[in-house]
């Protein structure tokens, strides 16, 4: 008995594209509307949770003191006083807010940059070099991640007082140069992404260890470095307790301490409400700019295909 074979005609490119574009009727892992709706709903709630305070600050900065308490907090007041409020913030007390702003830029900018580099160097060394005690060092780093900064503020103040560094820029800047979380993240990321074959190939070509780290390690670790930098930048910029303990000179205050000083005077001088809301609006602008500018570096696969298996 013979069976006849039916010749099949190969699909032309147009039919193939139509077949690919036709939606699948099966329940694939990416075709679950309920899951998509749930995840989208959660993201919307989280976005609203974070954006509503920012919206309130923007609206409050446009109001006078009377409008701030006489109108709904989420609605604009009768008088749009944004420019007047910002001008008062920048000129009050001979421009002390500008001094606070520059202090925060110094503390957060220099601290985050140096802390990121040190975390990258230490994390790369722990990931790519094997030496006695490396696991112990990494365990101590994990222990440092668990210690809150408020618990170390008072011992640091006593230490810096004995060294004569209290109430100076160094008393806030030096503790900001250490990031246990950044070291932990860089160690994990370097171990997963910096391929040993690339390092060995660079060594065969005659490159030194420092050159390998700066030309290969840092470039591959860019997404992790951006993450560490932003975490450290935001943490130092918003740090309040450490400057409160360390500093007594108003000219050394960061923005957080200066705005709290203004806010404490609102009970007897209501016009400080306008200064405080305007100062808060100006204080969040650098963080928003840094986030927008650096988010493009959050991408993986920078060296995908560089090493052939």
C-alpha atoms as a PDB file:
ATOM      1  CA  UNK A   1       0.000   0.000   0.000  1.00  0.00           C
ATOM      2  CA  UNK A   2       1.344   3.322  -0.972  1.00  0.00           C
ATOM      3  CA  UNK A   3       0.511   6.669   0.533  1.00  0.00           C
ATOM      4  CA  UNK A   4       0.397   9.728  -1.593  1.00  0.00           C
ATOM      5  CA  UNK A   5       2.380  12.670  -0.465  1.00  0.00           C
ATOM      6  CA  UNK A   6       0.883  16.096  -0.810  1.00  0.00           C
ATOM      7  CA  UNK A   7       3.455  18.592  -2.001  1.00  0.00           C
ATOM      8  CA  UNK A   8       3.712  21.640   0.178  1.00  0.00           C
ATOM      9  CA  UNK A   9       4.400  25.086  -1.166  1.00  0.00           C
ATOM     10  CA  UNK A  10       6.969  27.080   0.812  1.00  0.00           C
ATOM     11  CA  UNK A  11       5.643  30.283   2.308  1.00  0.00           C
ATOM     12  CA  UNK A  12       6.682  33.409   0.538  1.00  0.00           C
ATOM     13  CA  UNK A  13       8.030  36.292   2.639  1.00  0.00           C
ATOM     14  CA  UNK A  14       4.650  38.059   2.758  1.00  0.00           C
ATOM     15  CA  UNK A  15       2.845  34.952   4.087  1.00  0.00           C
ATOM     16  CA  UNK A  16       5.626  34.325   6.597  1.00  0.00           C
ATOM     17  CA  UNK A  17       5.332  37.874   7.967  1.00  0.00           C
ATOM     18  CA  UNK A  18       1.561  37.498   8.214  1.00  0.00           C
ATOM     19  CA  UNK A  19       1.929  34.228  10.106  1.00  0.00           C
ATOM     20  CA  UNK A  20       4.358  35.790  12.543  1.00  0.00           C
ATOM     21  CA  UNK A  21       2.204  38.882  13.041  1.00  0.00           C
ATOM     22  CA  UNK A  22      -0.971  36.821  13.650  1.00  0.00           C
ATOM     23  CA  UNK A  23      -1.689  36.786  17.399  1.00  0.00           C
ATOM     24  CA  UNK A  24      -1.438  33.473  19.120  1.00  0.00           C
ATOM     25  CA  UNK A  25      -4.582  32.009  20.654  1.00  0.00           C
ATOM     26  CA  UNK A  26      -2.670  29.954  23.213  1.00  0.00           C
ATOM     27  CA  UNK A  27      -2.064  30.990  26.786  1.00  0.00           C
ATOM     28  CA  UNK A  28       1.636  31.749  26.553  1.00  0.00           C
ATOM     29  CA  UNK A  29       3.589  33.135  29.475  1.00  0.00           C
ATOM     30  CA  UNK A  30       3.447  36.645  28.016  1.00  0.00           C
ATOM     31  CA  UNK A  31      -0.271  36.579  27.099  1.00  0.00           C
ATOM     32  CA  UNK A  32      -1.993  36.877  30.477  1.00  0.00           C
ATOM     33  CA  UNK A  33      -4.162  40.006  30.617  1.00  0.00           C
ATOM     34  CA  UNK A  34      -4.918  39.615  34.324  1.00  0.00           C
ATOM     35  CA  UNK A  35      -1.216  39.644  35.231  1.00  0.00           C
ATOM     36  CA  UNK A  36      -0.564  42.627  32.973  1.00  0.00           C
ATOM     37  CA  UNK A  37      -3.421  44.591  34.526  1.00  0.00           C
ATOM     38  CA  UNK A  38      -2.263  43.732  38.054  1.00  0.00           C
ATOM     39  CA  UNK A  39       1.346  44.762  37.415  1.00  0.00           C
ATOM     40  CA  UNK A  40       0.241  47.952  35.655  1.00  0.00           C
ATOM     41  CA  UNK A  41      -2.059  48.810  38.541  1.00  0.00           C
ATOM     42  CA  UNK A  42       0.719  48.314  41.091  1.00  0.00           C
ATOM     43  CA  UNK A  43       3.086  50.491  39.074  1.00  0.00           C
ATOM     44  CA  UNK A  44       0.449  53.222  38.811  1.00  0.00           C
ATOM     45  CA  UNK A  45      -0.101  53.166  42.589  1.00  0.00           C
ATOM     46  CA  UNK A  46       3.643  53.338  43.250  1.00  0.00           C
ATOM     47  CA  UNK A  47       4.058  56.187  40.741  1.00  0.00           C
ATOM     48  CA  UNK A  48       1.226  58.146  42.344  1.00  0.00           C
ATOM     49  CA  UNK A  49       2.698  57.512  45.795  1.00  0.00           C
ATOM     50  CA  UNK A  50       6.011  59.069  44.765  1.00  0.00           C
ATOM     51  CA  UNK A  51       4.714  61.837  42.494  1.00  0.00           C
ATOM     52  CA  UNK A  52       1.965  63.265  44.712  1.00  0.00           C
ATOM     53  CA  UNK A  53       4.414  64.769  47.268  1.00  0.00           C
ATOM     54  CA  UNK A  54       6.425  66.309  44.432  1.00  0.00           C
ATOM     55  CA  UNK A  55       3.251  67.784  42.957  1.00  0.00           C
ATOM     56  CA  UNK A  56       2.285  69.208  46.352  1.00  0.00           C
ATOM     57  CA  UNK A  57       5.710  70.847  46.746  1.00  0.00           C
ATOM     58  CA  UNK A  58       5.456  72.445  43.286  1.00  0.00           C
ATOM     59  CA  UNK A  59       1.971  73.783  44.005  1.00  0.00           C
ATOM     60  CA  UNK A  60       2.879  74.966  47.515  1.00  0.00           C
ATOM     61  CA  UNK A  61       5.884  76.866  46.196  1.00  0.00           C
ATOM     62  CA  UNK A  62       3.546  78.989  44.042  1.00  0.00           C
ATOM     63  CA  UNK A  63       1.421  80.184  46.972  1.00  0.00           C
ATOM     64  CA  UNK A  64       1.620  82.948  49.492  1.00  0.00           C
ATOM     65  CA  UNK A  65       1.306  82.129  53.180  1.00  0.00           C
ATOM     66  CA  UNK A  66      -2.389  83.069  53.192  1.00  0.00           C
ATOM     67  CA  UNK A  67      -3.118  80.903  50.144  1.00  0.00           C
ATOM     68  CA  UNK A  68      -1.113  78.023  51.607  1.00  0.00           C
ATOM     69  CA  UNK A  69      -3.528  77.702  54.523  1.00  0.00           C
ATOM     70  CA  UNK A  70      -6.635  79.156  52.910  1.00  0.00           C
ATOM     71  CA  UNK A  71      -6.871  76.882  49.858  1.00  0.00           C
ATOM     72  CA  UNK A  72      -6.728  73.202  49.095  1.00  0.00           C
ATOM     73  CA  UNK A  73      -3.166  71.923  49.181  1.00  0.00           C
ATOM     74  CA  UNK A  74      -3.417  70.385  45.714  1.00  0.00           C
ATOM     75  CA  UNK A  75      -4.985  73.424  44.016  1.00  0.00           C
ATOM     76  CA  UNK A  76      -3.351  76.649  42.939  1.00  0.00           C
ATOM     77  CA  UNK A  77      -3.947  79.711  45.070  1.00  0.00           C
ATOM     78  CA  UNK A  78      -5.396  83.052  44.075  1.00  0.00           C
ATOM     79  CA  UNK A  79      -1.961  84.596  43.617  1.00  0.00           C
ATOM     80  CA  UNK A  80       0.782  82.877  41.602  1.00  0.00           C
ATOM     81  CA  UNK A  81       3.840  83.819  43.662  1.00  0.00           C
ATOM     82  CA  UNK A  82       6.411  81.306  42.441  1.00  0.00           C
ATOM     83  CA  UNK A  83       8.936  83.854  41.179  1.00  0.00           C
ATOM     84  CA  UNK A  84       8.529  86.027  44.271  1.00  0.00           C
ATOM     85  CA  UNK A  85       9.035  83.036  46.563  1.00  0.00           C
ATOM     86  CA  UNK A  86      12.120  81.811  44.734  1.00  0.00           C
ATOM     87  CA  UNK A  87      13.578  85.305  44.687  1.00  0.00           C
ATOM     88  CA  UNK A  88      13.049  85.591  48.442  1.00  0.00           C
ATOM     89  CA  UNK A  89      14.733  82.214  48.965  1.00  0.00           C
ATOM     90  CA  UNK A  90      17.823  83.206  46.984  1.00  0.00           C
ATOM     91  CA  UNK A  91      18.204  86.656  48.560  1.00  0.00           C
ATOM     92  CA  UNK A  92      17.260  86.061  52.207  1.00  0.00           C
ATOM     93  CA  UNK A  93      20.058  86.697  54.715  1.00  0.00           C
ATOM     94  CA  UNK A  94      22.574  87.688  52.023  1.00  0.00           C
ATOM     95  CA  UNK A  95      21.875  84.545  49.986  1.00  0.00           C
ATOM     96  CA  UNK A  96      22.508  81.994  52.722  1.00  0.00           C
ATOM     97  CA  UNK A  97      20.466  79.425  50.777  1.00  0.00           C
ATOM     98  CA  UNK A  98      22.971  79.588  47.902  1.00  0.00           C
ATOM     99  CA  UNK A  99      25.720  78.816  50.430  1.00  0.00           C
ATOM    100  CA  UNK A 100      23.752  75.842  51.725  1.00  0.00           C
ATOM    101  CA  UNK A 101      23.144  74.684  48.169  1.00  0.00           C
ATOM    102  CA  UNK A 102      26.855  74.800  47.302  1.00  0.00           C
ATOM    103  CA  UNK A 103      27.676  72.968  50.530  1.00  0.00           C
ATOM    104  CA  UNK A 104      25.273  70.180  49.570  1.00  0.00           C
ATOM    105  CA  UNK A 105      26.806  70.018  46.093  1.00  0.00           C
ATOM    106  CA  UNK A 106      30.241  69.651  47.692  1.00  0.00           C
ATOM    107  CA  UNK A 107      29.169  67.029  50.220  1.00  0.00           C
ATOM    108  CA  UNK A 108      27.030  64.988  47.813  1.00  0.00           C
ATOM    109  CA  UNK A 109      29.009  65.446  44.604  1.00  0.00           C
ATOM    110  CA  UNK A 110      32.502  64.803  45.919  1.00  0.00           C
ATOM    111  CA  UNK A 111      31.325  62.220  48.431  1.00  0.00           C
ATOM    112  CA  UNK A 112      29.320  60.215  45.901  1.00  0.00           C
ATOM    113  CA  UNK A 113      32.072  60.344  43.263  1.00  0.00           C
ATOM    114  CA  UNK A 114      34.889  59.231  45.570  1.00  0.00           C
ATOM    115  CA  UNK A 115      32.708  56.654  47.332  1.00  0.00           C
ATOM    116  CA  UNK A 116      31.727  55.133  43.983  1.00  0.00           C
ATOM    117  CA  UNK A 117      35.345  54.848  42.854  1.00  0.00           C
ATOM    118  CA  UNK A 118      36.468  53.293  46.139  1.00  0.00           C
ATOM    119  CA  UNK A 119      33.535  50.868  46.108  1.00  0.00           C
ATOM    120  CA  UNK A 120      34.318  49.892  42.512  1.00  0.00           C
ATOM    121  CA  UNK A 121      38.008  49.311  43.248  1.00  0.00           C
ATOM    122  CA  UNK A 122      37.345  47.273  46.384  1.00  0.00           C
ATOM    123  CA  UNK A 123      34.491  45.308  44.806  1.00  0.00           C
ATOM    124  CA  UNK A 124      36.583  44.509  41.716  1.00  0.00           C
ATOM    125  CA  UNK A 125      39.486  43.355  43.885  1.00  0.00           C
ATOM    126  CA  UNK A 126      37.285  41.083  46.004  1.00  0.00           C
ATOM    127  CA  UNK A 127      35.663  39.619  42.886  1.00  0.00           C
ATOM    128  CA  UNK A 128      38.701  39.002  40.651  1.00  0.00           C
ATOM    129  CA  UNK A 129      41.506  38.306  43.127  1.00  0.00           C
ATOM    130  CA  UNK A 130      41.662  35.363  45.487  1.00  0.00           C
ATOM    131  CA  UNK A 131      43.589  35.958  48.692  1.00  0.00           C
ATOM    132  CA  UNK A 132      43.452  34.715  52.262  1.00  0.00           C
ATOM    133  CA  UNK A 133      40.769  36.492  54.264  1.00  0.00           C
ATOM    134  CA  UNK A 134      38.762  37.754  51.294  1.00  0.00           C
ATOM    135  CA  UNK A 135      35.594  36.070  52.532  1.00  0.00           C
ATOM    136  CA  UNK A 136      36.129  37.563  55.980  1.00  0.00           C
ATOM    137  CA  UNK A 137      36.485  41.026  54.482  1.00  0.00           C
ATOM    138  CA  UNK A 138      33.325  40.535  52.452  1.00  0.00           C
ATOM    139  CA  UNK A 139      31.485  39.363  55.569  1.00  0.00           C
ATOM    140  CA  UNK A 140      32.560  42.504  57.407  1.00  0.00           C
ATOM    141  CA  UNK A 141      31.255  44.550  54.500  1.00  0.00           C
ATOM    142  CA  UNK A 142      27.893  42.803  54.739  1.00  0.00           C
ATOM    143  CA  UNK A 143      27.884  43.632  58.442  1.00  0.00           C
ATOM    144  CA  UNK A 144      28.502  47.270  57.576  1.00  0.00           C
ATOM    145  CA  UNK A 145      25.464  47.281  55.318  1.00  0.00           C
ATOM    146  CA  UNK A 146      23.293  46.280  58.289  1.00  0.00           C
ATOM    147  CA  UNK A 147      24.514  49.128  60.535  1.00  0.00           C
ATOM    148  CA  UNK A 148      22.353  52.272  60.172  1.00  0.00           C
ATOM    149  CA  UNK A 149      24.096  55.595  59.755  1.00  0.00           C
ATOM    150  CA  UNK A 150      22.370  57.096  62.788  1.00  0.00           C
ATOM    151  CA  UNK A 151      24.046  54.502  65.012  1.00  0.00           C
ATOM    152  CA  UNK A 152      27.521  55.655  63.995  1.00  0.00           C
ATOM    153  CA  UNK A 153      26.885  59.426  64.056  1.00  0.00           C
ATOM    154  CA  UNK A 154      27.660  59.952  67.754  1.00  0.00           C
ATOM    155  CA  UNK A 155      30.849  57.797  67.803  1.00  0.00           C
ATOM    156  CA  UNK A 156      32.018  59.654  64.698  1.00  0.00           C
ATOM    157  CA  UNK A 157      31.374  62.978  66.391  1.00  0.00           C
ATOM    158  CA  UNK A 158      33.477  61.952  69.408  1.00  0.00           C
ATOM    159  CA  UNK A 159      36.245  60.738  67.116  1.00  0.00           C
ATOM    160  CA  UNK A 160      36.282  63.880  64.972  1.00  0.00           C
ATOM    161  CA  UNK A 161      36.161  66.062  68.088  1.00  0.00           C
ATOM    162  CA  UNK A 162      39.355  64.440  69.368  1.00  0.00           C
ATOM    163  CA  UNK A 163      40.963  64.960  65.956  1.00  0.00           C
ATOM    164  CA  UNK A 164      39.880  68.597  65.836  1.00  0.00           C
ATOM    165  CA  UNK A 165      37.766  68.062  62.696  1.00  0.00           C
ATOM    166  CA  UNK A 166      34.312  68.612  64.176  1.00  0.00           C
ATOM    167  CA  UNK A 167      32.364  71.555  62.739  1.00  0.00           C
ATOM    168  CA  UNK A 168      34.381  71.435  59.502  1.00  0.00           C
ATOM    169  CA  UNK A 169      33.651  70.289  55.978  1.00  0.00           C
ATOM    170  CA  UNK A 170      35.703  67.158  56.623  1.00  0.00           C
ATOM    171  CA  UNK A 171      33.387  65.999  59.423  1.00  0.00           C
ATOM    172  CA  UNK A 172      30.575  65.489  56.904  1.00  0.00           C
ATOM    173  CA  UNK A 173      32.645  64.678  53.830  1.00  0.00           C
ATOM    174  CA  UNK A 174      34.893  61.910  55.197  1.00  0.00           C
ATOM    175  CA  UNK A 175      32.065  59.613  56.438  1.00  0.00           C
ATOM    176  CA  UNK A 176      30.395  60.043  53.041  1.00  0.00           C
ATOM    177  CA  UNK A 177      33.366  58.455  51.266  1.00  0.00           C
ATOM    178  CA  UNK A 178      32.521  54.971  52.548  1.00  0.00           C
ATOM    179  CA  UNK A 179      29.643  52.979  51.049  1.00  0.00           C
ATOM    180  CA  UNK A 180      29.345  49.370  52.274  1.00  0.00           C
ATOM    181  CA  UNK A 181      26.294  48.821  50.079  1.00  0.00           C
ATOM    182  CA  UNK A 182      28.183  50.156  47.063  1.00  0.00           C
ATOM    183  CA  UNK A 183      31.101  47.816  47.721  1.00  0.00           C
ATOM    184  CA  UNK A 184      28.714  44.885  48.089  1.00  0.00           C
ATOM    185  CA  UNK A 185      26.933  45.732  44.817  1.00  0.00           C
ATOM    186  CA  UNK A 186      30.175  46.270  42.889  1.00  0.00           C
ATOM    187  CA  UNK A 187      31.609  42.990  44.124  1.00  0.00           C
ATOM    188  CA  UNK A 188      28.534  41.041  43.022  1.00  0.00           C
ATOM    189  CA  UNK A 189      28.328  42.840  39.665  1.00  0.00           C
ATOM    190  CA  UNK A 190      32.041  42.491  38.884  1.00  0.00           C
ATOM    191  CA  UNK A 191      31.965  38.787  39.697  1.00  0.00           C
ATOM    192  CA  UNK A 192      29.044  38.273  37.300  1.00  0.00           C
ATOM    193  CA  UNK A 193      30.046  40.518  34.380  1.00  0.00           C
ATOM    194  CA  UNK A 194      33.830  40.966  34.240  1.00  0.00           C
ATOM    195  CA  UNK A 195      34.904  37.849  32.391  1.00  0.00           C
ATOM    196  CA  UNK A 196      38.172  36.290  33.478  1.00  0.00           C
ATOM    197  CA  UNK A 197      39.142  35.665  29.856  1.00  0.00           C
ATOM    198  CA  UNK A 198      39.144  39.401  29.152  1.00  0.00           C
ATOM    199  CA  UNK A 199      41.382  40.008  32.143  1.00  0.00           C
ATOM    200  CA  UNK A 200      43.771  37.219  31.124  1.00  0.00           C
ATOM    201  CA  UNK A 201      43.875  38.491  27.542  1.00  0.00           C
ATOM    202  CA  UNK A 202      44.760  41.984  28.779  1.00  0.00           C
ATOM    203  CA  UNK A 203      47.513  40.546  30.959  1.00  0.00           C
ATOM    204  CA  UNK A 204      48.941  38.608  28.013  1.00  0.00           C
ATOM    205  CA  UNK A 205      48.993  41.855  26.026  1.00  0.00           C
ATOM    206  CA  UNK A 206      51.133  43.397  28.765  1.00  0.00           C
ATOM    207  CA  UNK A 207      48.546  45.573  30.538  1.00  0.00           C
ATOM    208  CA  UNK A 208      49.068  46.215  34.228  1.00  0.00           C
ATOM    209  CA  UNK A 209      46.447  45.550  36.867  1.00  0.00           C
ATOM    210  CA  UNK A 210      45.520  49.198  37.322  1.00  0.00           C
ATOM    211  CA  UNK A 211      45.174  49.683  33.577  1.00  0.00           C
ATOM    212  CA  UNK A 212      42.989  46.590  33.315  1.00  0.00           C
ATOM    213  CA  UNK A 213      40.777  47.898  36.091  1.00  0.00           C
ATOM    214  CA  UNK A 214      40.410  51.374  34.584  1.00  0.00           C
ATOM    215  CA  UNK A 215      40.021  50.375  30.928  1.00  0.00           C
ATOM    216  CA  UNK A 216      38.063  47.138  31.242  1.00  0.00           C
ATOM    217  CA  UNK A 217      36.648  46.796  34.729  1.00  0.00           C
ATOM    218  CA  UNK A 218      35.168  50.270  35.098  1.00  0.00           C
ATOM    219  CA  UNK A 219      33.615  50.242  31.634  1.00  0.00           C
ATOM    220  CA  UNK A 220      31.918  46.896  32.146  1.00  0.00           C
ATOM    221  CA  UNK A 221      30.737  47.908  35.614  1.00  0.00           C
ATOM    222  CA  UNK A 222      29.160  51.177  34.400  1.00  0.00           C
ATOM    223  CA  UNK A 223      25.526  50.245  35.253  1.00  0.00           C
ATOM    224  CA  UNK A 224      26.538  49.251  38.778  1.00  0.00           C
ATOM    225  CA  UNK A 225      28.656  52.392  39.188  1.00  0.00           C
ATOM    226  CA  UNK A 226      25.756  54.617  38.145  1.00  0.00           C
ATOM    227  CA  UNK A 227      23.509  52.837  40.633  1.00  0.00           C
ATOM    228  CA  UNK A 228      26.012  53.262  43.463  1.00  0.00           C
ATOM    229  CA  UNK A 229      26.599  56.909  42.539  1.00  0.00           C
ATOM    230  CA  UNK A 230      22.900  57.762  42.526  1.00  0.00           C
ATOM    231  CA  UNK A 231      22.229  55.936  45.791  1.00  0.00           C
ATOM    232  CA  UNK A 232      25.147  57.698  47.443  1.00  0.00           C
ATOM    233  CA  UNK A 233      24.235  61.065  45.918  1.00  0.00           C
ATOM    234  CA  UNK A 234      20.645  60.902  47.148  1.00  0.00           C
ATOM    235  CA  UNK A 235      21.695  59.565  50.543  1.00  0.00           C
ATOM    236  CA  UNK A 236      24.237  62.329  51.171  1.00  0.00           C
ATOM    237  CA  UNK A 237      21.998  65.056  49.735  1.00  0.00           C
ATOM    238  CA  UNK A 238      19.129  64.049  52.038  1.00  0.00           C
ATOM    239  CA  UNK A 239      21.351  63.319  55.038  1.00  0.00           C
ATOM    240  CA  UNK A 240      20.182  65.262  58.061  1.00  0.00           C
ATOM    241  CA  UNK A 241      21.306  63.595  61.269  1.00  0.00           C
ATOM    242  CA  UNK A 242      25.065  63.517  60.596  1.00  0.00           C
ATOM    243  CA  UNK A 243      25.334  67.256  59.757  1.00  0.00           C
ATOM    244  CA  UNK A 244      23.090  68.014  62.737  1.00  0.00           C
ATOM    245  CA  UNK A 245      25.530  66.254  65.053  1.00  0.00           C
ATOM    246  CA  UNK A 246      28.733  67.453  63.404  1.00  0.00           C
ATOM    247  CA  UNK A 247      28.039  71.092  62.482  1.00  0.00           C
ATOM    248  CA  UNK A 248      27.279  74.161  64.550  1.00  0.00           C
ATOM    249  CA  UNK A 249      28.327  76.854  62.071  1.00  0.00           C
ATOM    250  CA  UNK A 250      25.390  77.930  59.904  1.00  0.00           C
ATOM    251  CA  UNK A 251      27.710  78.646  56.953  1.00  0.00           C
ATOM    252  CA  UNK A 252      28.604  74.927  56.813  1.00  0.00           C
ATOM    253  CA  UNK A 253      25.012  73.686  56.787  1.00  0.00           C
ATOM    254  CA  UNK A 254      23.740  71.572  53.870  1.00  0.00           C
ATOM    255  CA  UNK A 255      20.285  72.239  52.441  1.00  0.00           C
ATOM    256  CA  UNK A 256      18.543  69.741  54.724  1.00  0.00           C
ATOM    257  CA  UNK A 257      19.790  71.388  57.902  1.00  0.00           C
ATOM    258  CA  UNK A 258      19.192  74.887  56.587  1.00  0.00           C
ATOM    259  CA  UNK A 259      15.604  74.180  55.544  1.00  0.00           C
ATOM    260  CA  UNK A 260      14.877  72.590  58.901  1.00  0.00           C
ATOM    261  CA  UNK A 261      16.238  75.748  60.539  1.00  0.00           C
ATOM    262  CA  UNK A 262      13.803  77.837  58.486  1.00  0.00           C
ATOM    263  CA  UNK A 263      10.917  75.492  59.199  1.00  0.00           C
ATOM    264  CA  UNK A 264      11.507  75.754  62.947  1.00  0.00           C
ATOM    265  CA  UNK A 265      10.839  79.510  62.740  1.00  0.00           C
ATOM    266  CA  UNK A 266       7.452  79.276  61.016  1.00  0.00           C
ATOM    267  CA  UNK A 267       5.546  79.346  64.325  1.00  0.00           C
ATOM    268  CA  UNK A 268       6.576  82.916  65.107  1.00  0.00           C
ATOM    269  CA  UNK A 269       7.321  84.124  61.558  1.00  0.00           C
ATOM    270  CA  UNK A 270       4.731  82.739  59.091  1.00  0.00           C
ATOM    271  CA  UNK A 271       6.607  84.146  56.082  1.00  0.00           C
ATOM    272  CA  UNK A 272       9.141  81.364  56.573  1.00  0.00           C
ATOM    273  CA  UNK A 273       6.561  78.981  55.099  1.00  0.00           C
ATOM    274  CA  UNK A 274       7.147  80.593  51.710  1.00  0.00           C
ATOM    275  CA  UNK A 275      10.921  80.343  52.149  1.00  0.00           C
ATOM    276  CA  UNK A 276      10.707  76.701  53.194  1.00  0.00           C
ATOM    277  CA  UNK A 277       8.446  75.548  50.351  1.00  0.00           C
ATOM    278  CA  UNK A 278      10.470  77.468  47.772  1.00  0.00           C
ATOM    279  CA  UNK A 279      13.711  76.061  49.154  1.00  0.00           C
ATOM    280  CA  UNK A 280      12.355  72.509  49.073  1.00  0.00           C
ATOM    281  CA  UNK A 281      11.409  72.958  45.400  1.00  0.00           C
ATOM    282  CA  UNK A 282      14.901  74.161  44.526  1.00  0.00           C
ATOM    283  CA  UNK A 283      16.497  71.352  46.537  1.00  0.00           C
ATOM    284  CA  UNK A 284      14.897  68.550  44.509  1.00  0.00           C
ATOM    285  CA  UNK A 285      15.938  69.927  41.123  1.00  0.00           C
ATOM    286  CA  UNK A 286      19.564  68.630  41.213  1.00  0.00           C
ATOM    287  CA  UNK A 287      18.416  65.116  42.122  1.00  0.00           C
ATOM    288  CA  UNK A 288      15.871  65.089  39.288  1.00  0.00           C
ATOM    289  CA  UNK A 289      18.493  66.331  36.803  1.00  0.00           C
ATOM    290  CA  UNK A 290      21.019  63.706  37.938  1.00  0.00           C
ATOM    291  CA  UNK A 291      18.429  60.935  37.607  1.00  0.00           C
ATOM    292  CA  UNK A 292      17.419  62.013  34.098  1.00  0.00           C
ATOM    293  CA  UNK A 293      20.988  62.412  32.869  1.00  0.00           C
ATOM    294  CA  UNK A 294      22.333  59.150  34.299  1.00  0.00           C
ATOM    295  CA  UNK A 295      19.448  56.801  33.590  1.00  0.00           C
ATOM    296  CA  UNK A 296      20.733  56.162  30.056  1.00  0.00           C
ATOM    297  CA  UNK A 297      23.726  54.339  31.548  1.00  0.00           C
ATOM    298  CA  UNK A 298      21.421  51.737  33.104  1.00  0.00           C
ATOM    299  CA  UNK A 299      21.754  49.163  30.400  1.00  0.00           C
ATOM    300  CA  UNK A 300      23.194  45.709  30.337  1.00  0.00           C
ATOM    301  CA  UNK A 301      25.063  43.717  27.761  1.00  0.00           C
ATOM    302  CA  UNK A 302      27.916  46.167  27.338  1.00  0.00           C
ATOM    303  CA  UNK A 303      30.338  43.340  26.554  1.00  0.00           C
ATOM    304  CA  UNK A 304      27.921  40.764  25.174  1.00  0.00           C
ATOM    305  CA  UNK A 305      29.731  38.727  22.559  1.00  0.00           C
ATOM    306  CA  UNK A 306      33.155  40.045  23.503  1.00  0.00           C
ATOM    307  CA  UNK A 307      34.265  36.596  24.579  1.00  0.00           C
ATOM    308  CA  UNK A 308      33.635  33.561  22.426  1.00  0.00           C
ATOM    309  CA  UNK A 309      32.701  30.482  24.426  1.00  0.00           C
END
